[in-house]
Amino acid sequence: VENIREMAPEAEVTEYDVYSKCADDLRNG
């Protein structure tokens, strides 16, 4: 998360407690 905010400051970042939830969001668009 820190790297994304530093290297792509205009990204809209979503944070979860586990990566499986990120995978679900990617699958569902």
mmCIF file of all heavy atoms, coordinates in Angstrom:
data_MODEL
# 
_entry.id   MODEL 
# 
loop_
_atom_site.group_PDB 
_atom_site.id 
_atom_site.type_symbol 
_atom_site.label_atom_id 
_atom_site.label_alt_id 
_atom_site.label_comp_id 
_atom_site.label_asym_id 
_atom_site.label_entity_id 
_atom_site.label_seq_id 
_atom_site.pdbx_PDB_ins_code 
_atom_site.Cartn_x 
_atom_site.Cartn_y 
_atom_site.Cartn_z 
_atom_site.occupancy 
_atom_site.B_iso_or_equiv 
_atom_site.pdbx_formal_charge 
_atom_site.auth_seq_id 
_atom_site.auth_comp_id 
_atom_site.auth_asym_id 
_atom_site.auth_atom_id 
_atom_site.pdbx_PDB_model_num 
ATOM 1   N N   . VAL A 1 1  ? 0.838   -1.202  0.000   1.00 0.00 ? 1  VAL A N   1 
ATOM 2   C CA  . VAL A 1 1  ? 0.000   0.000   0.000   1.00 0.00 ? 1  VAL A CA  1 
ATOM 3   C C   . VAL A 1 1  ? 0.872   1.251   0.000   1.00 0.00 ? 1  VAL A C   1 
ATOM 4   O O   . VAL A 1 1  ? 0.624   2.206   -0.758  1.00 0.00 ? 1  VAL A O   1 
ATOM 5   C CB  . VAL A 1 1  ? -0.954  0.001   1.215   1.00 0.00 ? 1  VAL A CB  1 
ATOM 6   C CG1 . VAL A 1 1  ? -1.630  1.354   1.359   1.00 0.00 ? 1  VAL A CG1 1 
ATOM 7   C CG2 . VAL A 1 1  ? -2.003  -1.088  1.066   1.00 0.00 ? 1  VAL A CG2 1 
ATOM 8   N N   . GLU A 1 2  ? 1.892   1.252   0.837   1.00 0.00 ? 2  GLU A N   1 
ATOM 9   C CA  . GLU A 1 2  ? 2.800   2.402   0.895   1.00 0.00 ? 2  GLU A CA  1 
ATOM 10  C C   . GLU A 1 2  ? 3.464   2.641   -0.451  1.00 0.00 ? 2  GLU A C   1 
ATOM 11  O O   . GLU A 1 2  ? 3.592   3.785   -0.905  1.00 0.00 ? 2  GLU A O   1 
ATOM 12  C CB  . GLU A 1 2  ? 3.871   2.155   1.969   1.00 0.00 ? 2  GLU A CB  1 
ATOM 13  C CG  . GLU A 1 2  ? 3.320   1.979   3.375   1.00 0.00 ? 2  GLU A CG  1 
ATOM 14  C CD  . GLU A 1 2  ? 4.380   1.492   4.343   1.00 0.00 ? 2  GLU A CD  1 
ATOM 15  O OE1 . GLU A 1 2  ? 5.583   1.587   4.001   1.00 0.00 ? 2  GLU A OE1 1 
ATOM 16  O OE2 . GLU A 1 2  ? 4.019   1.015   5.425   1.00 0.00 ? 2  GLU A OE2 1 
ATOM 17  N N   . ASN A 1 3  ? 3.898   1.565   -1.109  1.00 0.00 ? 3  ASN A N   1 
ATOM 18  C CA  . ASN A 1 3  ? 4.566   1.694   -2.402  1.00 0.00 ? 3  ASN A CA  1 
ATOM 19  C C   . ASN A 1 3  ? 3.634   2.253   -3.470  1.00 0.00 ? 3  ASN A C   1 
ATOM 20  O O   . ASN A 1 3  ? 4.034   3.087   -4.287  1.00 0.00 ? 3  ASN A O   1 
ATOM 21  C CB  . ASN A 1 3  ? 5.107   0.339   -2.852  1.00 0.00 ? 3  ASN A CB  1 
ATOM 22  C CG  . ASN A 1 3  ? 6.236   -0.163  -1.977  1.00 0.00 ? 3  ASN A CG  1 
ATOM 23  O OD1 . ASN A 1 3  ? 6.946   0.630   -1.362  1.00 0.00 ? 3  ASN A OD1 1 
ATOM 24  N ND2 . ASN A 1 3  ? 6.411   -1.467  -1.912  1.00 0.00 ? 3  ASN A ND2 1 
ATOM 25  N N   . ILE A 1 4  ? 2.389   1.783   -3.470  1.00 0.00 ? 4  ILE A N   1 
ATOM 26  C CA  . ILE A 1 4  ? 1.422   2.282   -4.455  1.00 0.00 ? 4  ILE A CA  1 
ATOM 27  C C   . ILE A 1 4  ? 1.196   3.781   -4.254  1.00 0.00 ? 4  ILE A C   1 
ATOM 28  O O   . ILE A 1 4  ? 1.210   4.555   -5.219  1.00 0.00 ? 4  ILE A O   1 
ATOM 29  C CB  . ILE A 1 4  ? 0.081   1.529   -4.356  1.00 0.00 ? 4  ILE A CB  1 
ATOM 30  C CG1 . ILE A 1 4  ? 0.257   0.055   -4.707  1.00 0.00 ? 4  ILE A CG1 1 
ATOM 31  C CG2 . ILE A 1 4  ? -0.963  2.167   -5.286  1.00 0.00 ? 4  ILE A CG2 1 
ATOM 32  C CD1 . ILE A 1 4  ? -0.909  -0.814  -4.278  1.00 0.00 ? 4  ILE A CD1 1 
ATOM 33  N N   . ARG A 1 5  ? 0.997   4.178   -3.007  1.00 0.00 ? 5  ARG A N   1 
ATOM 34  C CA  . ARG A 1 5  ? 0.712   5.596   -2.733  1.00 0.00 ? 5  ARG A CA  1 
ATOM 35  C C   . ARG A 1 5  ? 1.904   6.483   -3.089  1.00 0.00 ? 5  ARG A C   1 
ATOM 36  O O   . ARG A 1 5  ? 1.729   7.641   -3.475  1.00 0.00 ? 5  ARG A O   1 
ATOM 37  C CB  . ARG A 1 5  ? 0.319   5.763   -1.270  1.00 0.00 ? 5  ARG A CB  1 
ATOM 38  C CG  . ARG A 1 5  ? -1.050  5.140   -0.968  1.00 0.00 ? 5  ARG A CG  1 
ATOM 39  C CD  . ARG A 1 5  ? -1.683  5.725   0.285   1.00 0.00 ? 5  ARG A CD  1 
ATOM 40  N NE  . ARG A 1 5  ? -3.098  5.399   0.320   1.00 0.00 ? 5  ARG A NE  1 
ATOM 41  C CZ  . ARG A 1 5  ? -3.676  4.585   1.181   1.00 0.00 ? 5  ARG A CZ  1 
ATOM 42  N NH1 . ARG A 1 5  ? -2.944  3.998   2.107   1.00 0.00 ? 5  ARG A NH1 1 
ATOM 43  N NH2 . ARG A 1 5  ? -4.977  4.352   1.140   1.00 0.00 ? 5  ARG A NH2 1 
ATOM 44  N N   . GLU A 1 6  ? 3.103   5.944   -2.959  1.00 0.00 ? 6  GLU A N   1 
ATOM 45  C CA  . GLU A 1 6  ? 4.293   6.722   -3.292  1.00 0.00 ? 6  GLU A CA  1 
ATOM 46  C C   . GLU A 1 6  ? 4.553   6.759   -4.797  1.00 0.00 ? 6  GLU A C   1 
ATOM 47  O O   . GLU A 1 6  ? 4.881   7.808   -5.351  1.00 0.00 ? 6  GLU A O   1 
ATOM 48  C CB  . GLU A 1 6  ? 5.508   6.116   -2.584  1.00 0.00 ? 6  GLU A CB  1 
ATOM 49  C CG  . GLU A 1 6  ? 6.814   6.846   -2.883  1.00 0.00 ? 6  GLU A CG  1 
ATOM 50  C CD  . GLU A 1 6  ? 8.003   6.220   -2.191  1.00 0.00 ? 6  GLU A CD  1 
ATOM 51  O OE1 . GLU A 1 6  ? 7.810   5.390   -1.284  1.00 0.00 ? 6  GLU A OE1 1 
ATOM 52  O OE2 . GLU A 1 6  ? 9.139   6.556   -2.566  1.00 0.00 ? 6  GLU A OE2 1 
ATOM 53  N N   . MET A 1 7  ? 4.371   5.621   -5.463  1.00 0.00 ? 7  MET A N   1 
ATOM 54  C CA  . MET A 1 7  ? 4.759   5.507   -6.866  1.00 0.00 ? 7  MET A CA  1 
ATOM 55  C C   . MET A 1 7  ? 3.620   5.795   -7.836  1.00 0.00 ? 7  MET A C   1 
ATOM 56  O O   . MET A 1 7  ? 3.869   6.090   -9.009  1.00 0.00 ? 7  MET A O   1 
ATOM 57  C CB  . MET A 1 7  ? 5.319   4.103   -7.133  1.00 0.00 ? 7  MET A CB  1 
ATOM 58  C CG  . MET A 1 7  ? 6.552   3.775   -6.322  1.00 0.00 ? 7  MET A CG  1 
ATOM 59  S SD  . MET A 1 7  ? 7.183   2.122   -6.716  1.00 0.00 ? 7  MET A SD  1 
ATOM 60  C CE  . MET A 1 7  ? 8.512   1.990   -5.515  1.00 0.00 ? 7  MET A CE  1 
ATOM 61  N N   . ALA A 1 8  ? 2.377   5.695   -7.374  1.00 0.00 ? 8  ALA A N   1 
ATOM 62  C CA  . ALA A 1 8  ? 1.211   6.003   -8.207  1.00 0.00 ? 8  ALA A CA  1 
ATOM 63  C C   . ALA A 1 8  ? 0.236   6.821   -7.364  1.00 0.00 ? 8  ALA A C   1 
ATOM 64  O O   . ALA A 1 8  ? -0.838  6.342   -6.983  1.00 0.00 ? 8  ALA A O   1 
ATOM 65  C CB  . ALA A 1 8  ? 0.554   4.726   -8.722  1.00 0.00 ? 8  ALA A CB  1 
ATOM 66  N N   . PRO A 1 9  ? 0.596   8.061   -7.051  1.00 0.00 ? 9  PRO A N   1 
ATOM 67  C CA  . PRO A 1 9  ? -0.185  8.860   -6.095  1.00 0.00 ? 9  PRO A CA  1 
ATOM 68  C C   . PRO A 1 9  ? -1.617  9.161   -6.529  1.00 0.00 ? 9  PRO A C   1 
ATOM 69  O O   . PRO A 1 9  ? -2.437  9.521   -5.690  1.00 0.00 ? 9  PRO A O   1 
ATOM 70  C CB  . PRO A 1 9  ? 0.636   10.150  -5.962  1.00 0.00 ? 9  PRO A CB  1 
ATOM 71  C CG  . PRO A 1 9  ? 1.497   10.195  -7.182  1.00 0.00 ? 9  PRO A CG  1 
ATOM 72  C CD  . PRO A 1 9  ? 1.789   8.775   -7.545  1.00 0.00 ? 9  PRO A CD  1 
ATOM 73  N N   . GLU A 1 10 ? -1.913  9.007   -7.808  1.00 0.00 ? 10 GLU A N   1 
ATOM 74  C CA  . GLU A 1 10 ? -3.269  9.283   -8.284  1.00 0.00 ? 10 GLU A CA  1 
ATOM 75  C C   . GLU A 1 10 ? -4.124  8.018   -8.353  1.00 0.00 ? 10 GLU A C   1 
ATOM 76  O O   . GLU A 1 10 ? -5.262  8.068   -8.833  1.00 0.00 ? 10 GLU A O   1 
ATOM 77  C CB  . GLU A 1 10 ? -3.209  9.961   -9.647  1.00 0.00 ? 10 GLU A CB  1 
ATOM 78  C CG  . GLU A 1 10 ? -2.547  11.344  -9.594  1.00 0.00 ? 10 GLU A CG  1 
ATOM 79  C CD  . GLU A 1 10 ? -2.432  11.984  -10.961 1.00 0.00 ? 10 GLU A CD  1 
ATOM 80  O OE1 . GLU A 1 10 ? -3.190  11.596  -11.876 1.00 0.00 ? 10 GLU A OE1 1 
ATOM 81  O OE2 . GLU A 1 10 ? -1.563  12.857  -11.126 1.00 0.00 ? 10 GLU A OE2 1 
ATOM 82  N N   . ALA A 1 11 ? -3.605  6.911   -7.876  1.00 0.00 ? 11 ALA A N   1 
ATOM 83  C CA  . ALA A 1 11 ? -4.407  5.684   -7.836  1.00 0.00 ? 11 ALA A CA  1 
ATOM 84  C C   . ALA A 1 11 ? -5.458  5.776   -6.737  1.00 0.00 ? 11 ALA A C   1 
ATOM 85  O O   . ALA A 1 11 ? -5.239  6.396   -5.695  1.00 0.00 ? 11 ALA A O   1 
ATOM 86  C CB  . ALA A 1 11 ? -3.507  4.478   -7.585  1.00 0.00 ? 11 ALA A CB  1 
ATOM 87  N N   . GLU A 1 12 ? -6.595  5.164   -6.976  1.00 0.00 ? 12 GLU A N   1 
ATOM 88  C CA  . GLU A 1 12 ? -7.648  5.061   -5.961  1.00 0.00 ? 12 GLU A CA  1 
ATOM 89  C C   . GLU A 1 12 ? -7.470  3.723   -5.238  1.00 0.00 ? 12 GLU A C   1 
ATOM 90  O O   . GLU A 1 12 ? -7.732  2.670   -5.809  1.00 0.00 ? 12 GLU A O   1 
ATOM 91  C CB  . GLU A 1 12 ? -9.026  5.124   -6.627  1.00 0.00 ? 12 GLU A CB  1 
ATOM 92  C CG  . GLU A 1 12 ? -10.191 5.018   -5.668  1.00 0.00 ? 12 GLU A CG  1 
ATOM 93  C CD  . GLU A 1 12 ? -11.525 4.962   -6.388  1.00 0.00 ? 12 GLU A CD  1 
ATOM 94  O OE1 . GLU A 1 12 ? -11.649 5.577   -7.466  1.00 0.00 ? 12 GLU A OE1 1 
ATOM 95  O OE2 . GLU A 1 12 ? -12.430 4.284   -5.855  1.00 0.00 ? 12 GLU A OE2 1 
ATOM 96  N N   . VAL A 1 13 ? -6.983  3.775   -4.012  1.00 0.00 ? 13 VAL A N   1 
ATOM 97  C CA  . VAL A 1 13 ? -6.572  2.560   -3.308  1.00 0.00 ? 13 VAL A CA  1 
ATOM 98  C C   . VAL A 1 13 ? -7.674  2.041   -2.393  1.00 0.00 ? 13 VAL A C   1 
ATOM 99  O O   . VAL A 1 13 ? -8.234  2.784   -1.582  1.00 0.00 ? 13 VAL A O   1 
ATOM 100 C CB  . VAL A 1 13 ? -5.289  2.814   -2.484  1.00 0.00 ? 13 VAL A CB  1 
ATOM 101 C CG1 . VAL A 1 13 ? -4.860  1.535   -1.766  1.00 0.00 ? 13 VAL A CG1 1 
ATOM 102 C CG2 . VAL A 1 13 ? -4.163  3.325   -3.389  1.00 0.00 ? 13 VAL A CG2 1 
ATOM 103 N N   . THR A 1 14 ? -7.974  0.764   -2.531  1.00 0.00 ? 14 THR A N   1 
ATOM 104 C CA  . THR A 1 14 ? -8.873  0.053   -1.635  1.00 0.00 ? 14 THR A CA  1 
ATOM 105 C C   . THR A 1 14 ? -8.033  -0.894  -0.779  1.00 0.00 ? 14 THR A C   1 
ATOM 106 O O   . THR A 1 14 ? -7.163  -1.589  -1.311  1.00 0.00 ? 14 THR A O   1 
ATOM 107 C CB  . THR A 1 14 ? -9.912  -0.763  -2.426  1.00 0.00 ? 14 THR A CB  1 
ATOM 108 O OG1 . THR A 1 14 ? -10.740 0.126   -3.180  1.00 0.00 ? 14 THR A OG1 1 
ATOM 109 C CG2 . THR A 1 14 ? -10.791 -1.590  -1.484  1.00 0.00 ? 14 THR A CG2 1 
ATOM 110 N N   . GLU A 1 15 ? -8.290  -0.920  0.529   1.00 0.00 ? 15 GLU A N   1 
ATOM 111 C CA  . GLU A 1 15 ? -7.529  -1.785  1.429   1.00 0.00 ? 15 GLU A CA  1 
ATOM 112 C C   . GLU A 1 15 ? -8.459  -2.760  2.140   1.00 0.00 ? 15 GLU A C   1 
ATOM 113 O O   . GLU A 1 15 ? -9.527  -2.374  2.615   1.00 0.00 ? 15 GLU A O   1 
ATOM 114 C CB  . GLU A 1 15 ? -6.803  -0.954  2.486   1.00 0.00 ? 15 GLU A CB  1 
ATOM 115 C CG  . GLU A 1 15 ? -5.751  -0.007  1.943   1.00 0.00 ? 15 GLU A CG  1 
ATOM 116 C CD  . GLU A 1 15 ? -5.096  0.788   3.060   1.00 0.00 ? 15 GLU A CD  1 
ATOM 117 O OE1 . GLU A 1 15 ? -4.465  0.167   3.947   1.00 0.00 ? 15 GLU A OE1 1 
ATOM 118 O OE2 . GLU A 1 15 ? -5.245  2.025   3.065   1.00 0.00 ? 15 GLU A OE2 1 
ATOM 119 N N   . TYR A 1 16 ? -8.036  -4.017  2.187   1.00 0.00 ? 16 TYR A N   1 
ATOM 120 C CA  . TYR A 1 16 ? -8.750  -5.035  2.954   1.00 0.00 ? 16 TYR A CA  1 
ATOM 121 C C   . TYR A 1 16 ? -7.779  -5.680  3.943   1.00 0.00 ? 16 TYR A C   1 
ATOM 122 O O   . TYR A 1 16 ? -6.574  -5.414  3.916   1.00 0.00 ? 16 TYR A O   1 
ATOM 123 C CB  . TYR A 1 16 ? -9.325  -6.101  2.024   1.00 0.00 ? 16 TYR A CB  1 
ATOM 124 C CG  . TYR A 1 16 ? -10.494 -5.654  1.196   1.00 0.00 ? 16 TYR A CG  1 
ATOM 125 C CD1 . TYR A 1 16 ? -10.421 -5.642  -0.195  1.00 0.00 ? 16 TYR A CD1 1 
ATOM 126 C CD2 . TYR A 1 16 ? -11.681 -5.259  1.794   1.00 0.00 ? 16 TYR A CD2 1 
ATOM 127 C CE1 . TYR A 1 16 ? -11.503 -5.243  -0.971  1.00 0.00 ? 16 TYR A CE1 1 
ATOM 128 C CE2 . TYR A 1 16 ? -12.773 -4.855  1.027   1.00 0.00 ? 16 TYR A CE2 1 
ATOM 129 C CZ  . TYR A 1 16 ? -12.668 -4.854  -0.346  1.00 0.00 ? 16 TYR A CZ  1 
ATOM 130 O OH  . TYR A 1 16 ? -13.743 -4.451  -1.098  1.00 0.00 ? 16 TYR A OH  1 
ATOM 131 N N   . ASP A 1 17 ? -8.308  -6.573  4.768   1.00 0.00 ? 17 ASP A N   1 
ATOM 132 C CA  . ASP A 1 17 ? -7.443  -7.284  5.709   1.00 0.00 ? 17 ASP A CA  1 
ATOM 133 C C   . ASP A 1 17 ? -6.749  -8.475  5.066   1.00 0.00 ? 17 ASP A C   1 
ATOM 134 O O   . ASP A 1 17 ? -5.686  -8.909  5.530   1.00 0.00 ? 17 ASP A O   1 
ATOM 135 C CB  . ASP A 1 17 ? -8.240  -7.732  6.939   1.00 0.00 ? 17 ASP A CB  1 
ATOM 136 C CG  . ASP A 1 17 ? -9.451  -8.585  6.593   1.00 0.00 ? 17 ASP A CG  1 
ATOM 137 O OD1 . ASP A 1 17 ? -9.905  -8.546  5.429   1.00 0.00 ? 17 ASP A OD1 1 
ATOM 138 O OD2 . ASP A 1 17 ? -9.951  -9.289  7.492   1.00 0.00 ? 17 ASP A OD2 1 
ATOM 139 N N   . VAL A 1 18 ? -7.334  -9.031  3.992   1.00 0.00 ? 18 VAL A N   1 
ATOM 140 C CA  . VAL A 1 18 ? -6.745  -10.192 3.321   1.00 0.00 ? 18 VAL A CA  1 
ATOM 141 C C   . VAL A 1 18 ? -6.809  -10.015 1.807   1.00 0.00 ? 18 VAL A C   1 
ATOM 142 O O   . VAL A 1 18 ? -7.689  -9.327  1.277   1.00 0.00 ? 18 VAL A O   1 
ATOM 143 C CB  . VAL A 1 18 ? -7.458  -11.503 3.723   1.00 0.00 ? 18 VAL A CB  1 
ATOM 144 C CG1 . VAL A 1 18 ? -7.206  -11.833 5.189   1.00 0.00 ? 18 VAL A CG1 1 
ATOM 145 C CG2 . VAL A 1 18 ? -8.960  -11.422 3.446   1.00 0.00 ? 18 VAL A CG2 1 
ATOM 146 N N   . TYR A 1 19 ? -5.891  -10.677 1.108   1.00 0.00 ? 19 TYR A N   1 
ATOM 147 C CA  . TYR A 1 19 ? -5.798  -10.526 -0.351  1.00 0.00 ? 19 TYR A CA  1 
ATOM 148 C C   . TYR A 1 19 ? -6.942  -11.205 -1.093  1.00 0.00 ? 19 TYR A C   1 
ATOM 149 O O   . TYR A 1 19 ? -7.268  -10.829 -2.228  1.00 0.00 ? 19 TYR A O   1 
ATOM 150 C CB  . TYR A 1 19 ? -4.464  -11.077 -0.859  1.00 0.00 ? 19 TYR A CB  1 
ATOM 151 C CG  . TYR A 1 19 ? -3.292  -10.199 -0.511  1.00 0.00 ? 19 TYR A CG  1 
ATOM 152 C CD1 . TYR A 1 19 ? -2.366  -10.595 0.449   1.00 0.00 ? 19 TYR A CD1 1 
ATOM 153 C CD2 . TYR A 1 19 ? -3.110  -8.964  -1.129  1.00 0.00 ? 19 TYR A CD2 1 
ATOM 154 C CE1 . TYR A 1 19 ? -1.291  -9.782  0.774   1.00 0.00 ? 19 TYR A CE1 1 
ATOM 155 C CE2 . TYR A 1 19 ? -2.037  -8.154  -0.806  1.00 0.00 ? 19 TYR A CE2 1 
ATOM 156 C CZ  . TYR A 1 19 ? -1.131  -8.569  0.148   1.00 0.00 ? 19 TYR A CZ  1 
ATOM 157 O OH  . TYR A 1 19 ? -0.068  -7.767  0.476   1.00 0.00 ? 19 TYR A OH  1 
ATOM 158 N N   . SER A 1 20 ? -7.546  -12.206 -0.490  1.00 0.00 ? 20 SER A N   1 
ATOM 159 C CA  . SER A 1 20 ? -8.641  -12.892 -1.173  1.00 0.00 ? 20 SER A CA  1 
ATOM 160 C C   . SER A 1 20 ? -9.791  -11.938 -1.474  1.00 0.00 ? 20 SER A C   1 
ATOM 161 O O   . SER A 1 20 ? -10.486 -12.091 -2.488  1.00 0.00 ? 20 SER A O   1 
ATOM 162 C CB  . SER A 1 20 ? -9.134  -14.075 -0.333  1.00 0.00 ? 20 SER A CB  1 
ATOM 163 O OG  . SER A 1 20 ? -9.468  -13.667 0.979   1.00 0.00 ? 20 SER A OG  1 
ATOM 164 N N   . LYS A 1 21 ? -9.992  -10.931 -0.624  1.00 0.00 ? 21 LYS A N   1 
ATOM 165 C CA  . LYS A 1 21 ? -11.053 -9.950  -0.879  1.00 0.00 ? 21 LYS A CA  1 
ATOM 166 C C   . LYS A 1 21 ? -10.685 -9.062  -2.065  1.00 0.00 ? 21 LYS A C   1 
ATOM 167 O O   . LYS A 1 21 ? -11.557 -8.651  -2.839  1.00 0.00 ? 21 LYS A O   1 
ATOM 168 C CB  . LYS A 1 21 ? -11.305 -9.108  0.375   1.00 0.00 ? 21 LYS A CB  1 
ATOM 169 C CG  . LYS A 1 21 ? -11.893 -9.905  1.535   1.00 0.00 ? 21 LYS A CG  1 
ATOM 170 C CD  . LYS A 1 21 ? -12.101 -9.053  2.774   1.00 0.00 ? 21 LYS A CD  1 
ATOM 171 C CE  . LYS A 1 21 ? -12.630 -9.877  3.936   1.00 0.00 ? 21 LYS A CE  1 
ATOM 172 N NZ  . LYS A 1 21 ? -12.795 -9.071  5.176   1.00 0.00 ? 21 LYS A NZ  1 
ATOM 173 N N   . CYS A 1 22 ? -9.397  -8.758  -2.204  1.00 0.00 ? 22 CYS A N   1 
ATOM 174 C CA  . CYS A 1 22 ? -8.946  -8.009  -3.383  1.00 0.00 ? 22 CYS A CA  1 
ATOM 175 C C   . CYS A 1 22 ? -9.210  -8.815  -4.658  1.00 0.00 ? 22 CYS A C   1 
ATOM 176 O O   . CYS A 1 22 ? -9.655  -8.271  -5.673  1.00 0.00 ? 22 CYS A O   1 
ATOM 177 C CB  . CYS A 1 22 ? -7.460  -7.695  -3.282  1.00 0.00 ? 22 CYS A CB  1 
ATOM 178 S SG  . CYS A 1 22 ? -7.013  -6.396  -2.119  1.00 0.00 ? 22 CYS A SG  1 
ATOM 179 N N   . ALA A 1 23 ? -8.916  -10.116 -4.598  1.00 0.00 ? 23 ALA A N   1 
ATOM 180 C CA  . ALA A 1 23 ? -9.152  -10.970 -5.760  1.00 0.00 ? 23 ALA A CA  1 
ATOM 181 C C   . ALA A 1 23 ? -10.638 -11.005 -6.114  1.00 0.00 ? 23 ALA A C   1 
ATOM 182 O O   . ALA A 1 23 ? -11.010 -10.965 -7.301  1.00 0.00 ? 23 ALA A O   1 
ATOM 183 C CB  . ALA A 1 23 ? -8.635  -12.379 -5.482  1.00 0.00 ? 23 ALA A CB  1 
ATOM 184 N N   . ASP A 1 24 ? -11.492 -11.054 -5.103  1.00 0.00 ? 24 ASP A N   1 
ATOM 185 C CA  . ASP A 1 24 ? -12.939 -11.032 -5.357  1.00 0.00 ? 24 ASP A CA  1 
ATOM 186 C C   . ASP A 1 24 ? -13.351 -9.739  -6.057  1.00 0.00 ? 24 ASP A C   1 
ATOM 187 O O   . ASP A 1 24 ? -14.157 -9.757  -6.994  1.00 0.00 ? 24 ASP A O   1 
ATOM 188 C CB  . ASP A 1 24 ? -13.711 -11.163 -4.039  1.00 0.00 ? 24 ASP A CB  1 
ATOM 189 C CG  . ASP A 1 24 ? -13.614 -12.560 -3.437  1.00 0.00 ? 24 ASP A CG  1 
ATOM 190 O OD1 . ASP A 1 24 ? -13.257 -13.499 -4.169  1.00 0.00 ? 24 ASP A OD1 1 
ATOM 191 O OD2 . ASP A 1 24 ? -13.890 -12.690 -2.226  1.00 0.00 ? 24 ASP A OD2 1 
ATOM 192 N N   . ASP A 1 25 ? -12.802 -8.611  -5.604  1.00 0.00 ? 25 ASP A N   1 
ATOM 193 C CA  . ASP A 1 25 ? -13.139 -7.319  -6.224  1.00 0.00 ? 25 ASP A CA  1 
ATOM 194 C C   . ASP A 1 25 ? -12.658 -7.247  -7.664  1.00 0.00 ? 25 ASP A C   1 
ATOM 195 O O   . ASP A 1 25 ? -13.337 -6.682  -8.531  1.00 0.00 ? 25 ASP A O   1 
ATOM 196 C CB  . ASP A 1 25 ? -12.524 -6.171  -5.416  1.00 0.00 ? 25 ASP A CB  1 
ATOM 197 C CG  . ASP A 1 25 ? -13.417 -5.711  -4.273  1.00 0.00 ? 25 ASP A CG  1 
ATOM 198 O OD1 . ASP A 1 25 ? -14.430 -6.383  -4.003  1.00 0.00 ? 25 ASP A OD1 1 
ATOM 199 O OD2 . ASP A 1 25 ? -13.107 -4.676  -3.642  1.00 0.00 ? 25 ASP A OD2 1 
ATOM 200 N N   . LEU A 1 26 ? -11.482 -7.805  -7.945  1.00 0.00 ? 26 LEU A N   1 
ATOM 201 C CA  . LEU A 1 26 ? -10.982 -7.800  -9.320  1.00 0.00 ? 26 LEU A CA  1 
ATOM 202 C C   . LEU A 1 26 ? -11.863 -8.667  -10.205 1.00 0.00 ? 26 LEU A C   1 
ATOM 203 O O   . LEU A 1 26 ? -12.212 -8.279  -11.330 1.00 0.00 ? 26 LEU A O   1 
ATOM 204 C CB  . LEU A 1 26 ? -9.535  -8.302  -9.356  1.00 0.00 ? 26 LEU A CB  1 
ATOM 205 C CG  . LEU A 1 26 ? -8.864  -8.313  -10.732 1.00 0.00 ? 26 LEU A CG  1 
ATOM 206 C CD1 . LEU A 1 26 ? -8.809  -6.907  -11.331 1.00 0.00 ? 26 LEU A CD1 1 
ATOM 207 C CD2 . LEU A 1 26 ? -7.457  -8.905  -10.642 1.00 0.00 ? 26 LEU A CD2 1 
ATOM 208 N N   . ARG A 1 27 ? -12.250 -9.803  -9.701  1.00 0.00 ? 27 ARG A N   1 
ATOM 209 C CA  . ARG A 1 27 ? -13.108 -10.702 -10.476 1.00 0.00 ? 27 ARG A CA  1 
ATOM 210 C C   . ARG A 1 27 ? -14.461 -10.058 -10.785 1.00 0.00 ? 27 ARG A C   1 
ATOM 211 O O   . ARG A 1 27 ? -15.029 -10.252 -11.874 1.00 0.00 ? 27 ARG A O   1 
ATOM 212 C CB  . ARG A 1 27 ? -13.323 -12.012 -9.706  1.00 0.00 ? 27 ARG A CB  1 
ATOM 213 C CG  . ARG A 1 27 ? -14.057 -13.076 -10.483 1.00 0.00 ? 27 ARG A CG  1 
ATOM 214 C CD  . ARG A 1 27 ? -14.284 -14.316 -9.626  1.00 0.00 ? 27 ARG A CD  1 
ATOM 215 N NE  . ARG A 1 27 ? -13.043 -14.986 -9.292  1.00 0.00 ? 27 ARG A NE  1 
ATOM 216 C CZ  . ARG A 1 27 ? -12.464 -15.909 -10.053 1.00 0.00 ? 27 ARG A CZ  1 
ATOM 217 N NH1 . ARG A 1 27 ? -13.012 -16.252 -11.207 1.00 0.00 ? 27 ARG A NH1 1 
ATOM 218 N NH2 . ARG A 1 27 ? -11.347 -16.501 -9.656  1.00 0.00 ? 27 ARG A NH2 1 
ATOM 219 N N   . ASN A 1 28 ? -14.974 -9.268  -9.826  1.00 0.00 ? 28 ASN A N   1 
ATOM 220 C CA  . ASN A 1 28 ? -16.295 -8.652  -9.991  1.00 0.00 ? 28 ASN A CA  1 
ATOM 221 C C   . ASN A 1 28 ? -16.249 -7.256  -10.612 1.00 0.00 ? 28 ASN A C   1 
ATOM 222 O O   . ASN A 1 28 ? -17.287 -6.594  -10.720 1.00 0.00 ? 28 ASN A O   1 
ATOM 223 C CB  . ASN A 1 28 ? -16.994 -8.580  -8.630  1.00 0.00 ? 28 ASN A CB  1 
ATOM 224 C CG  . ASN A 1 28 ? -17.298 -9.960  -8.068  1.00 0.00 ? 28 ASN A CG  1 
ATOM 225 O OD1 . ASN A 1 28 ? -17.630 -10.869 -8.812  1.00 0.00 ? 28 ASN A OD1 1 
ATOM 226 N ND2 . ASN A 1 28 ? -17.166 -10.121 -6.756  1.00 0.00 ? 28 ASN A ND2 1 
ATOM 227 N N   . GLY A 1 29 ? -15.049 -6.787  -10.978 1.00 0.00 ? 29 GLY A N   1 
ATOM 228 C CA  . GLY A 1 29 ? -14.917 -5.502  -11.658 1.00 0.00 ? 29 GLY A CA  1 
ATOM 229 C C   . GLY A 1 29 ? -14.972 -4.296  -10.749 1.00 0.00 ? 29 GLY A C   1 
ATOM 230 O O   . GLY A 1 29 ? -15.092 -3.164  -11.229 1.00 0.00 ? 29 GLY A O   1 
# 
